[in-house]
Amino acid sequence: MSPALKYCGNHSLNDLRAVYASHADYIGFVFTHKSKRTVSTEQVSQWLNQIGRCKGKQLVGVFADDSLDTIKSVCEHVPLDVVQLHGGESLHHLIAVKKMVDQSVWKALHHDETTLDQMRRFRGAADGFIIDTKRKGTLGGTGKRFDWHRIPNYLSEAKRQQVPCFIAGGITPENIEELMMYQPTGIDIASGIERHFGKDQALIRSLEEKVGVNDGQTSTSRK
C-alpha cells in the first residue's frame, strides 16, 4: 500500500490548483502566525469559493500554540477535516480542542530523544501524529530531515495506538525512494515540492512517480 500524501503550507490560489491536480490525500493550510506560509481564513475561503472542494482530498488546518478561540473561529469559517497542533501543546490542550471541534485532531512532534515518550503521552487522545524535524525558531517546512533510522519506532508506536503517523521534514523527489524503504504510512511535504516558494507541478509529479501512485488514485483507492 502506498502512503497517504499530505501537501502542506499552501499559501496561494496557484498552490491550491497544483495540489488539486495531484494525488494528495490531504491539503494543509497554516493558520498560526508563526510561519512564513501563514494564510488567513478569508484567503482560504476565497480560494475554495473560486475552485470548490476537491473530492477525495481532506483539508488540514495547522496551528501552533494558538488559543481555543482562534482554532474554533477558523473551523467555523473553513471546512476543515483535520486540526493539526504543531506547537508545544499539552495533552490537556489537545483534549480541550477535541471537545470543542468535530474534526480529527493530530499532534505534530519534533524528532528528538523524547519523541516516543511524547507519543505515548498522547495515546488515546491524538487521532494521528506528524513527526517533523526540530529546528529552533521554525514551525516546519525547514527542508531538513531527521534521522530516518528512527522511523520504524514511530510507526510501531502509531500502529499500537491505531492512528496514522506522517513523516515530515526534508522530503524531496531526490530522497523519497530512500524514505519509502521505511514504508511510512503517511508523508507530509511542504518545501520539498516548491520552486520559487510555490508548489511546483513538475516536482509533485516526480515525487508521485517515485512513490508509485497512478492517475486518479488517493491513498484510499491505493490500498
C-alpha atoms as a PDB file:
ATOM      1  CA  MET A   1       0.000   0.000   0.000  1.00  0.00           C
ATOM      2  CA  SER A   2       1.300   3.453  -0.895  1.00  0.00           C
ATOM      3  CA  PRO A   3       1.499   6.053   1.886  1.00  0.00           C
ATOM      4  CA  ALA A   4      -1.055   8.801   2.308  1.00  0.00           C
ATOM      5  CA  LEU A   5       0.240  12.072   0.879  1.00  0.00           C
ATOM      6  CA  LYS A   6      -0.151  15.420   2.635  1.00  0.00           C
ATOM      7  CA  TYR A   7       0.955  18.560   0.818  1.00  0.00           C
ATOM      8  CA  CYS A   8       1.205  21.326   3.364  1.00  0.00           C
ATOM      9  CA  GLY A   9       1.930  25.037   3.546  1.00  0.00           C
ATOM     10  CA  ASN A  10      -0.267  26.015   0.610  1.00  0.00           C
ATOM     11  CA  HIS A  11      -0.402  29.792   0.564  1.00  0.00           C
ATOM     12  CA  SER A  12      -1.798  30.862  -2.808  1.00  0.00           C
ATOM     13  CA  LEU A  13      -4.519  30.029  -5.290  1.00  0.00           C
ATOM     14  CA  ASN A  14      -1.851  28.623  -7.610  1.00  0.00           C
ATOM     15  CA  ASP A  15      -0.642  26.326  -4.816  1.00  0.00           C
ATOM     16  CA  LEU A  16      -4.158  25.051  -4.307  1.00  0.00           C
ATOM     17  CA  ARG A  17      -4.638  24.419  -8.013  1.00  0.00           C
ATOM     18  CA  ALA A  18      -1.366  22.486  -8.141  1.00  0.00           C
ATOM     19  CA  VAL A  19      -2.246  20.188  -5.250  1.00  0.00           C
ATOM     20  CA  TYR A  20      -5.807  19.744  -6.521  1.00  0.00           C
ATOM     21  CA  ALA A  21      -4.295  18.306  -9.701  1.00  0.00           C
ATOM     22  CA  SER A  22      -2.099  15.951  -7.661  1.00  0.00           C
ATOM     23  CA  HIS A  23      -2.655  12.662  -5.837  1.00  0.00           C
ATOM     24  CA  ALA A  24      -2.564  14.330  -2.432  1.00  0.00           C
ATOM     25  CA  ASP A  25      -4.930  12.895   0.150  1.00  0.00           C
ATOM     26  CA  TYR A  26      -4.572  15.866   2.499  1.00  0.00           C
ATOM     27  CA  ILE A  27      -4.124  19.558   1.734  1.00  0.00           C
ATOM     28  CA  GLY A  28      -2.627  21.638   4.524  1.00  0.00           C
ATOM     29  CA  PHE A  29      -3.027  25.323   5.354  1.00  0.00           C
ATOM     30  CA  VAL A  30      -1.024  27.036   8.087  1.00  0.00           C
ATOM     31  CA  PHE A  31      -3.190  29.356  10.165  1.00  0.00           C
ATOM     32  CA  THR A  32      -0.800  30.078  13.011  1.00  0.00           C
ATOM     33  CA  HIS A  33       1.160  33.322  12.795  1.00  0.00           C
ATOM     34  CA  LYS A  34       4.442  31.515  13.423  1.00  0.00           C
ATOM     35  CA  SER A  35       5.125  30.547   9.809  1.00  0.00           C
ATOM     36  CA  LYS A  36       6.190  32.205   6.578  1.00  0.00           C
ATOM     37  CA  ARG A  37       3.392  30.192   4.940  1.00  0.00           C
ATOM     38  CA  THR A  38       0.627  31.610   7.135  1.00  0.00           C
ATOM     39  CA  VAL A  39      -2.745  32.177   5.463  1.00  0.00           C
ATOM     40  CA  SER A  40      -5.964  33.764   6.684  1.00  0.00           C
ATOM     41  CA  THR A  41      -9.430  32.262   6.818  1.00  0.00           C
ATOM     42  CA  GLU A  42     -10.528  34.914   4.321  1.00  0.00           C
ATOM     43  CA  GLN A  43      -7.880  33.852   1.803  1.00  0.00           C
ATOM     44  CA  VAL A  44      -8.649  30.144   2.036  1.00  0.00           C
ATOM     45  CA  SER A  45     -12.400  30.728   1.890  1.00  0.00           C
ATOM     46  CA  GLN A  46     -11.948  32.858  -1.224  1.00  0.00           C
ATOM     47  CA  TRP A  47      -9.801  30.214  -2.928  1.00  0.00           C
ATOM     48  CA  LEU A  48     -12.278  27.457  -2.090  1.00  0.00           C
ATOM     49  CA  ASN A  49     -15.132  29.588  -3.404  1.00  0.00           C
ATOM     50  CA  GLN A  50     -13.232  30.017  -6.673  1.00  0.00           C
ATOM     51  CA  ILE A  51     -12.342  26.391  -7.315  1.00  0.00           C
ATOM     52  CA  GLY A  52     -14.513  24.475  -4.834  1.00  0.00           C
ATOM     53  CA  ARG A  53     -13.732  21.446  -2.720  1.00  0.00           C
ATOM     54  CA  CYS A  54     -11.818  18.632  -4.390  1.00  0.00           C
ATOM     55  CA  LYS A  55     -13.397  15.214  -3.990  1.00  0.00           C
ATOM     56  CA  GLY A  56     -11.167  12.735  -2.192  1.00  0.00           C
ATOM     57  CA  LYS A  57      -8.925  15.352  -0.604  1.00  0.00           C
ATOM     58  CA  GLN A  58      -9.215  16.377   3.040  1.00  0.00           C
ATOM     59  CA  LEU A  59      -8.338  19.818   4.357  1.00  0.00           C
ATOM     60  CA  VAL A  60      -5.950  20.191   7.291  1.00  0.00           C
ATOM     61  CA  GLY A  61      -5.564  23.340   9.373  1.00  0.00           C
ATOM     62  CA  VAL A  62      -2.195  23.771  11.096  1.00  0.00           C
ATOM     63  CA  PHE A  63      -1.982  25.633  14.405  1.00  0.00           C
ATOM     64  CA  ALA A  64       0.841  26.139  16.893  1.00  0.00           C
ATOM     65  CA  ASP A  65       0.097  27.135  20.479  1.00  0.00           C
ATOM     66  CA  ASP A  66      -2.970  29.012  19.295  1.00  0.00           C
ATOM     67  CA  SER A  67      -5.895  29.734  21.600  1.00  0.00           C
ATOM     68  CA  LEU A  68      -9.055  27.668  21.621  1.00  0.00           C
ATOM     69  CA  ASP A  69     -10.960  30.698  20.352  1.00  0.00           C
ATOM     70  CA  THR A  70      -8.614  31.039  17.370  1.00  0.00           C
ATOM     71  CA  ILE A  71      -8.955  27.384  16.427  1.00  0.00           C
ATOM     72  CA  LYS A  72     -12.727  27.482  16.847  1.00  0.00           C
ATOM     73  CA  SER A  73     -13.012  30.577  14.655  1.00  0.00           C
ATOM     74  CA  VAL A  74     -11.018  29.006  11.820  1.00  0.00           C
ATOM     75  CA  CYS A  75     -13.073  25.806  11.997  1.00  0.00           C
ATOM     76  CA  GLU A  76     -16.251  27.866  11.762  1.00  0.00           C
ATOM     77  CA  HIS A  77     -15.089  29.639   8.594  1.00  0.00           C
ATOM     78  CA  VAL A  78     -13.108  26.947   6.748  1.00  0.00           C
ATOM     79  CA  PRO A  79     -14.450  23.399   6.137  1.00  0.00           C
ATOM     80  CA  LEU A  80     -11.507  21.601   7.718  1.00  0.00           C
ATOM     81  CA  ASP A  81     -11.414  17.837   8.143  1.00  0.00           C
ATOM     82  CA  VAL A  82      -8.384  17.780  10.443  1.00  0.00           C
ATOM     83  CA  VAL A  83      -6.926  20.143  13.058  1.00  0.00           C
ATOM     84  CA  GLN A  84      -3.148  19.740  13.355  1.00  0.00           C
ATOM     85  CA  LEU A  85      -1.465  21.034  16.521  1.00  0.00           C
ATOM     86  CA  HIS A  86       2.137  21.770  15.631  1.00  0.00           C
ATOM     87  CA  GLY A  87       3.422  23.612  18.696  1.00  0.00           C
ATOM     88  CA  GLY A  88       4.161  22.695  22.287  1.00  0.00           C
ATOM     89  CA  GLU A  89       0.543  21.942  23.127  1.00  0.00           C
ATOM     90  CA  SER A  90      -0.104  19.907  26.260  1.00  0.00           C
ATOM     91  CA  LEU A  91      -2.302  16.835  26.481  1.00  0.00           C
ATOM     92  CA  HIS A  92      -4.825  18.994  28.339  1.00  0.00           C
ATOM     93  CA  HIS A  93      -4.931  21.498  25.464  1.00  0.00           C
ATOM     94  CA  LEU A  94      -5.344  18.790  22.826  1.00  0.00           C
ATOM     95  CA  ILE A  95      -8.218  17.230  24.755  1.00  0.00           C
ATOM     96  CA  ALA A  96      -9.850  20.650  25.055  1.00  0.00           C
ATOM     97  CA  VAL A  97      -9.590  21.097  21.282  1.00  0.00           C
ATOM     98  CA  LYS A  98     -11.130  17.654  20.685  1.00  0.00           C
ATOM     99  CA  LYS A  99     -14.079  18.525  22.902  1.00  0.00           C
ATOM    100  CA  MET A 100     -14.587  21.806  21.070  1.00  0.00           C
ATOM    101  CA  VAL A 101     -14.429  20.737  17.402  1.00  0.00           C
ATOM    102  CA  ASP A 102     -15.856  17.933  15.278  1.00  0.00           C
ATOM    103  CA  GLN A 103     -12.653  17.472  13.278  1.00  0.00           C
ATOM    104  CA  SER A 104      -9.961  14.869  13.883  1.00  0.00           C
ATOM    105  CA  VAL A 105      -7.063  16.292  15.900  1.00  0.00           C
ATOM    106  CA  TRP A 106      -3.459  15.376  15.052  1.00  0.00           C
ATOM    107  CA  LYS A 107      -0.376  16.193  17.107  1.00  0.00           C
ATOM    108  CA  ALA A 108       2.915  17.100  15.455  1.00  0.00           C
ATOM    109  CA  LEU A 109       6.041  16.185  17.408  1.00  0.00           C
ATOM    110  CA  HIS A 110       9.611  17.170  16.690  1.00  0.00           C
ATOM    111  CA  HIS A 111      12.107  14.335  16.479  1.00  0.00           C
ATOM    112  CA  ASP A 112      14.419  14.073  19.477  1.00  0.00           C
ATOM    113  CA  GLU A 113      15.191  11.609  22.256  1.00  0.00           C
ATOM    114  CA  THR A 114      11.796  12.235  23.910  1.00  0.00           C
ATOM    115  CA  THR A 115       9.515  11.795  20.893  1.00  0.00           C
ATOM    116  CA  LEU A 116       8.419   8.228  21.626  1.00  0.00           C
ATOM    117  CA  ASP A 117       7.568   9.143  25.205  1.00  0.00           C
ATOM    118  CA  GLN A 118       5.553  12.081  23.919  1.00  0.00           C
ATOM    119  CA  MET A 119       3.626   9.834  21.526  1.00  0.00           C
ATOM    120  CA  ARG A 120       2.751   7.558  24.436  1.00  0.00           C
ATOM    121  CA  ARG A 121       1.652  10.552  26.497  1.00  0.00           C
ATOM    122  CA  PHE A 122      -0.905  11.453  23.818  1.00  0.00           C
ATOM    123  CA  ARG A 123      -2.154   7.881  23.446  1.00  0.00           C
ATOM    124  CA  GLY A 124      -5.927   7.717  23.305  1.00  0.00           C
ATOM    125  CA  ALA A 125      -6.198  11.453  22.669  1.00  0.00           C
ATOM    126  CA  ALA A 126      -4.399  12.267  19.416  1.00  0.00           C
ATOM    127  CA  ASP A 127      -6.084  10.972  16.263  1.00  0.00           C
ATOM    128  CA  GLY A 128      -2.766  10.969  14.395  1.00  0.00           C
ATOM    129  CA  PHE A 129       0.850  12.101  14.544  1.00  0.00           C
ATOM    130  CA  ILE A 130       3.257  14.104  12.394  1.00  0.00           C
ATOM    131  CA  ILE A 131       6.952  13.532  13.132  1.00  0.00           C
ATOM    132  CA  ASP A 132       8.950  16.540  11.947  1.00  0.00           C
ATOM    133  CA  THR A 133      12.485  17.893  12.113  1.00  0.00           C
ATOM    134  CA  LYS A 134      13.294  20.016  15.124  1.00  0.00           C
ATOM    135  CA  ARG A 135      14.810  23.370  14.255  1.00  0.00           C
ATOM    136  CA  LYS A 136      14.860  26.352  16.574  1.00  0.00           C
ATOM    137  CA  GLY A 137      12.616  29.215  15.556  1.00  0.00           C
ATOM    138  CA  THR A 138      10.728  27.359  12.815  1.00  0.00           C
ATOM    139  CA  LEU A 139       7.329  25.692  12.720  1.00  0.00           C
ATOM    140  CA  GLY A 140       8.051  23.338   9.824  1.00  0.00           C
ATOM    141  CA  GLY A 141       8.928  23.414   6.153  1.00  0.00           C
ATOM    142  CA  THR A 142      12.585  23.549   7.157  1.00  0.00           C
ATOM    143  CA  GLY A 143      13.815  21.418   4.270  1.00  0.00           C
ATOM    144  CA  LYS A 144      15.843  19.467   6.833  1.00  0.00           C
ATOM    145  CA  ARG A 145      15.398  15.771   7.563  1.00  0.00           C
ATOM    146  CA  PHE A 146      15.866  13.965  10.846  1.00  0.00           C
ATOM    147  CA  ASP A 147      17.490  10.579  11.470  1.00  0.00           C
ATOM    148  CA  TRP A 148      15.206   8.307   9.457  1.00  0.00           C
ATOM    149  CA  HIS A 149      16.573   5.211  11.176  1.00  0.00           C
ATOM    150  CA  ARG A 150      14.176   6.096  13.993  1.00  0.00           C
ATOM    151  CA  ILE A 151      11.111   5.940  11.738  1.00  0.00           C
ATOM    152  CA  PRO A 152      10.280   2.253  12.465  1.00  0.00           C
ATOM    153  CA  ASN A 153       9.953   3.080  16.172  1.00  0.00           C
ATOM    154  CA  TYR A 154       7.479   5.857  15.452  1.00  0.00           C
ATOM    155  CA  LEU A 155       5.464   3.751  13.025  1.00  0.00           C
ATOM    156  CA  SER A 156       5.290   0.873  15.515  1.00  0.00           C
ATOM    157  CA  GLU A 157       4.012   3.130  18.287  1.00  0.00           C
ATOM    158  CA  ALA A 158       1.394   4.681  15.994  1.00  0.00           C
ATOM    159  CA  LYS A 159       0.297   1.207  14.928  1.00  0.00           C
ATOM    160  CA  ARG A 160      -0.134   0.217  18.574  1.00  0.00           C
ATOM    161  CA  GLN A 161      -2.314   3.278  19.020  1.00  0.00           C
ATOM    162  CA  GLN A 162      -4.138   2.517  15.749  1.00  0.00           C
ATOM    163  CA  VAL A 163      -3.607   6.030  14.403  1.00  0.00           C
ATOM    164  CA  PRO A 164      -1.812   7.357  11.293  1.00  0.00           C
ATOM    165  CA  CYS A 165       1.758   8.628  11.513  1.00  0.00           C
ATOM    166  CA  PHE A 166       3.127  11.037   8.903  1.00  0.00           C
ATOM    167  CA  ILE A 167       6.834  11.642   8.359  1.00  0.00           C
ATOM    168  CA  ALA A 168       7.833  15.237   7.599  1.00  0.00           C
ATOM    169  CA  GLY A 169      10.983  17.286   7.211  1.00  0.00           C
ATOM    170  CA  GLY A 170      13.383  17.488   4.294  1.00  0.00           C
ATOM    171  CA  ILE A 171      11.485  15.142   1.974  1.00  0.00           C
ATOM    172  CA  THR A 172      12.123  15.742  -1.742  1.00  0.00           C
ATOM    173  CA  PRO A 173      11.787  13.871  -5.041  1.00  0.00           C
ATOM    174  CA  GLU A 174      15.528  13.201  -4.730  1.00  0.00           C
ATOM    175  CA  ASN A 175      15.301  11.274  -1.444  1.00  0.00           C
ATOM    176  CA  ILE A 176      11.734   9.936  -1.458  1.00  0.00           C
ATOM    177  CA  GLU A 177      12.860   6.485  -2.618  1.00  0.00           C
ATOM    178  CA  GLU A 178      15.127   6.198   0.421  1.00  0.00           C
ATOM    179  CA  LEU A 179      12.228   7.174   2.677  1.00  0.00           C
ATOM    180  CA  MET A 180       9.951   4.608   1.020  1.00  0.00           C
ATOM    181  CA  MET A 181      12.297   1.860   2.226  1.00  0.00           C
ATOM    182  CA  TYR A 182      10.914   2.519   5.721  1.00  0.00           C
ATOM    183  CA  GLN A 183       7.330   2.003   4.482  1.00  0.00           C
ATOM    184  CA  PRO A 184       5.848   5.147   6.043  1.00  0.00           C
ATOM    185  CA  THR A 185       2.073   5.207   6.355  1.00  0.00           C
ATOM    186  CA  GLY A 186       1.996   8.918   5.572  1.00  0.00           C
ATOM    187  CA  ILE A 187       4.275  11.550   4.035  1.00  0.00           C
ATOM    188  CA  ASP A 188       3.962  15.273   4.799  1.00  0.00           C
ATOM    189  CA  ILE A 189       5.726  17.654   2.401  1.00  0.00           C
ATOM    190  CA  ALA A 190       5.913  21.428   2.070  1.00  0.00           C
ATOM    191  CA  SER A 191       9.161  22.931   0.770  1.00  0.00           C
ATOM    192  CA  GLY A 192      10.186  19.696  -0.980  1.00  0.00           C
ATOM    193  CA  ILE A 193       7.636  20.268  -3.745  1.00  0.00           C
ATOM    194  CA  GLU A 194       8.209  24.002  -4.060  1.00  0.00           C
ATOM    195  CA  ARG A 195      10.127  26.095  -6.528  1.00  0.00           C
ATOM    196  CA  HIS A 196      10.406  29.860  -6.009  1.00  0.00           C
ATOM    197  CA  PHE A 197       8.295  29.493  -2.838  1.00  0.00           C
ATOM    198  CA  GLY A 198       5.345  27.982  -4.686  1.00  0.00           C
ATOM    199  CA  LYS A 199       4.063  24.461  -5.251  1.00  0.00           C
ATOM    200  CA  ASP A 200       5.553  23.087  -8.477  1.00  0.00           C
ATOM    201  CA  GLN A 201       3.603  20.542 -10.513  1.00  0.00           C
ATOM    202  CA  ALA A 202       6.735  19.069 -12.094  1.00  0.00           C
ATOM    203  CA  LEU A 203       8.246  18.365  -8.665  1.00  0.00           C
ATOM    204  CA  ILE A 204       4.942  16.922  -7.488  1.00  0.00           C
ATOM    205  CA  ARG A 205       4.755  14.588 -10.496  1.00  0.00           C
ATOM    206  CA  SER A 206       8.353  13.488  -9.989  1.00  0.00           C
ATOM    207  CA  LEU A 207       7.723  12.665  -6.347  1.00  0.00           C
ATOM    208  CA  GLU A 208       4.474  10.835  -7.049  1.00  0.00           C
ATOM    209  CA  GLU A 209       6.054   8.725  -9.771  1.00  0.00           C
ATOM    210  CA  LYS A 210       8.659   7.550  -7.272  1.00  0.00           C
ATOM    211  CA  VAL A 211       6.015   6.881  -4.632  1.00  0.00           C
ATOM    212  CA  GLY A 212       4.247   4.759  -7.225  1.00  0.00           C
ATOM    213  CA  VAL A 213       0.818   6.351  -7.402  1.00  0.00           C
ATOM    214  CA  ASN A 214      -1.259   6.065 -10.546  1.00  0.00           C
ATOM    215  CA  ASP A 215      -3.651   8.508 -12.182  1.00  0.00           C
ATOM    216  CA  GLY A 216      -6.858   9.041 -10.275  1.00  0.00           C
ATOM    217  CA  GLN A 217      -5.690   7.366  -7.068  1.00  0.00           C
ATOM    218  CA  THR A 218      -5.777   8.544  -3.481  1.00  0.00           C
ATOM    219  CA  SER A 219      -4.497   6.526  -0.526  1.00  0.00           C
ATOM    220  CA  THR A 220      -7.970   5.015  -0.064  1.00  0.00           C
ATOM    221  CA  SER A 221      -8.045   3.612  -3.588  1.00  0.00           C
ATOM    222  CA  ARG A 222      -4.377   2.610  -3.419  1.00  0.00           C
ATOM    223  CA  LYS A 223      -4.954   0.049  -0.655  1.00  0.00           C
END
